[in-house]
N, C-alpha and C. Protein backbone atom coordinates (compact mmCIF):
# COMPACT_ATOMS: atom_id res chain seq x y z
N MET A 1 34.33 112.32 120.38
CA MET A 1 33.98 113.88 120.02
C MET A 1 32.58 114.59 119.90
N ASP A 2 32.80 115.82 120.25
CA ASP A 2 31.26 116.30 120.28
C ASP A 2 31.00 117.13 119.06
N TRP A 3 29.58 117.36 118.59
CA TRP A 3 29.50 117.49 117.33
C TRP A 3 30.45 118.96 116.96
N SER A 4 30.16 120.15 117.45
CA SER A 4 30.63 121.25 117.58
C SER A 4 32.39 121.31 117.08
N CYS A 5 32.58 120.26 117.79
CA CYS A 5 34.47 119.74 117.76
C CYS A 5 34.82 119.37 115.98
N LYS A 6 33.62 118.03 115.96
CA LYS A 6 34.05 118.16 114.60
C LYS A 6 33.62 118.93 113.35
N VAL A 7 32.16 120.06 113.69
CA VAL A 7 32.70 121.03 112.71
C VAL A 7 33.56 121.95 112.57
N THR A 8 34.53 122.43 113.83
CA THR A 8 35.40 123.41 113.93
C THR A 8 36.89 122.64 112.95
N VAL A 9 37.02 120.98 113.10
CA VAL A 9 37.84 120.64 112.75
C VAL A 9 37.73 120.26 111.04
N ARG A 10 36.49 120.54 110.40
CA ARG A 10 36.21 120.42 109.25
C ARG A 10 36.07 121.66 108.54
N GLN A 11 35.73 122.71 109.36
CA GLN A 11 35.81 124.01 108.54
C GLN A 11 37.26 124.39 108.81
N SER A 12 38.24 124.25 109.37
CA SER A 12 39.76 124.50 109.73
C SER A 12 40.16 123.91 108.37
N LEU A 13 40.10 122.49 108.51
CA LEU A 13 40.77 121.95 107.11
C LEU A 13 39.86 122.44 106.01
N LEU A 14 38.96 122.90 105.60
CA LEU A 14 38.32 123.21 104.62
C LEU A 14 39.62 124.79 104.36
N LYS A 15 39.64 125.36 105.26
CA LYS A 15 40.25 126.52 105.11
C LYS A 15 41.64 126.42 105.05
N ARG A 16 42.35 125.54 105.46
CA ARG A 16 43.71 125.17 104.96
C ARG A 16 43.56 124.96 103.40
N THR A 17 42.83 123.94 103.09
CA THR A 17 42.56 123.36 101.77
C THR A 17 42.60 124.49 100.74
N LEU A 18 41.79 125.66 101.23
CA LEU A 18 41.78 126.95 100.37
C LEU A 18 42.38 127.50 100.30
N ARG A 19 43.29 127.74 101.35
CA ARG A 19 44.45 128.64 101.28
C ARG A 19 45.17 128.31 100.74
N SER A 20 45.73 126.88 100.84
CA SER A 20 46.72 125.84 99.79
C SER A 20 46.41 126.22 98.35
N ARG A 21 45.03 125.89 97.89
CA ARG A 21 44.60 125.94 96.85
C ARG A 21 44.55 127.57 96.08
N GLY A 22 44.53 128.47 97.33
CA GLY A 22 44.72 130.02 96.59
C GLY A 22 46.44 129.92 96.06
N MET A 23 47.09 129.63 97.21
CA MET A 23 48.36 130.00 96.92
C MET A 23 48.75 129.23 95.59
N ILE A 24 48.22 127.47 95.53
CA ILE A 24 48.85 126.84 93.95
C ILE A 24 48.26 127.86 92.72
N THR A 25 47.02 128.17 93.28
CA THR A 25 46.23 129.40 91.56
C THR A 25 47.27 130.30 91.51
N PHE A 26 47.42 131.09 92.54
CA PHE A 26 48.29 132.28 92.57
C PHE A 26 49.78 132.15 91.88
N GLY A 27 50.09 131.26 92.43
CA GLY A 27 51.42 130.60 91.52
C GLY A 27 51.42 130.21 90.11
N ALA A 28 50.14 129.45 89.99
CA ALA A 28 50.18 129.22 88.91
C ALA A 28 49.77 130.43 87.45
N LEU A 29 48.88 131.67 88.18
CA LEU A 29 48.74 132.56 87.53
C LEU A 29 49.99 133.53 87.35
N ILE A 30 50.62 133.28 88.27
CA ILE A 30 52.17 134.28 88.09
C ILE A 30 52.94 133.68 87.56
N THR A 31 53.16 132.37 87.03
CA THR A 31 53.79 131.66 86.14
C THR A 31 53.34 131.88 84.45
N LEU A 32 51.94 131.69 84.64
CA LEU A 32 51.56 131.96 83.33
C LEU A 32 51.60 133.48 82.43
N LEU A 33 51.60 134.39 83.41
CA LEU A 33 51.77 135.67 83.19
C LEU A 33 53.52 135.77 82.75
N VAL A 34 54.46 135.54 83.49
CA VAL A 34 55.65 135.35 82.86
C VAL A 34 55.63 134.51 81.61
N LEU A 35 55.28 133.36 81.90
CA LEU A 35 55.52 132.83 80.60
C LEU A 35 54.53 133.76 79.46
N THR A 36 53.71 134.27 79.50
CA THR A 36 53.29 134.87 78.07
C THR A 36 53.64 136.31 78.14
N HIS A 37 54.53 136.69 78.79
CA HIS A 37 55.28 137.78 78.84
C HIS A 37 56.55 137.61 78.19
N PHE A 38 56.97 136.55 78.29
CA PHE A 38 58.08 135.94 77.61
C PHE A 38 58.19 135.93 76.23
N THR A 39 56.99 134.95 76.03
CA THR A 39 56.41 134.45 74.70
C THR A 39 56.29 135.57 73.84
N LEU A 40 55.50 136.65 74.38
CA LEU A 40 55.38 137.68 73.55
C LEU A 40 56.51 138.81 73.23
N ASN A 41 57.91 138.80 74.20
CA ASN A 41 59.02 139.18 73.80
C ASN A 41 59.40 138.73 72.39
N PHE A 42 59.73 137.37 72.97
CA PHE A 42 60.05 136.63 71.85
C PHE A 42 59.57 136.58 70.60
N LEU A 43 57.88 136.44 70.47
CA LEU A 43 57.50 137.09 69.07
C LEU A 43 57.92 138.00 68.94
N CYS A 44 57.72 139.30 69.60
CA CYS A 44 58.21 140.39 68.85
C CYS A 44 59.85 140.26 68.31
N TRP A 45 60.45 140.27 69.24
CA TRP A 45 61.90 139.77 68.77
C TRP A 45 61.80 139.03 67.31
N PHE A 46 61.11 137.69 67.44
CA PHE A 46 61.37 136.87 66.13
C PHE A 46 60.70 137.86 64.49
N THR A 47 59.54 138.19 65.18
CA THR A 47 59.03 139.20 63.58
C THR A 47 59.94 140.19 63.27
N CYS A 48 60.99 141.04 64.38
CA CYS A 48 61.49 142.18 64.20
C CYS A 48 62.81 141.58 63.16
N GLU A 49 63.58 140.45 63.73
CA GLU A 49 64.75 140.18 63.63
C GLU A 49 64.05 139.36 62.32
N VAL A 50 63.20 138.39 61.89
CA VAL A 50 63.38 137.59 61.08
C VAL A 50 62.30 138.12 59.56
N VAL A 51 61.45 138.63 60.14
CA VAL A 51 60.04 139.14 59.36
C VAL A 51 60.74 140.44 58.70
N PHE A 52 61.16 141.50 59.20
CA PHE A 52 61.60 142.95 58.51
C PHE A 52 62.88 143.02 58.29
N LYS A 53 63.38 141.81 58.36
CA LYS A 53 65.04 141.90 57.50
C LYS A 53 65.09 141.46 56.40
N ASN A 54 64.15 140.89 55.74
CA ASN A 54 63.78 140.11 54.35
C ASN A 54 63.88 141.41 53.55
């Protein structure tokens, strides 16, 4: 294996891990957004139903 081949292999591996890590981060962000959205909706409903009914 010559040096340039090693470098390209390493770079492609790095790119692949970065891409998959980016996808994981993207998925986590979307999940967080959805969760916060539902939590906020639930909190609004909860306060309206429980707090203001009294």
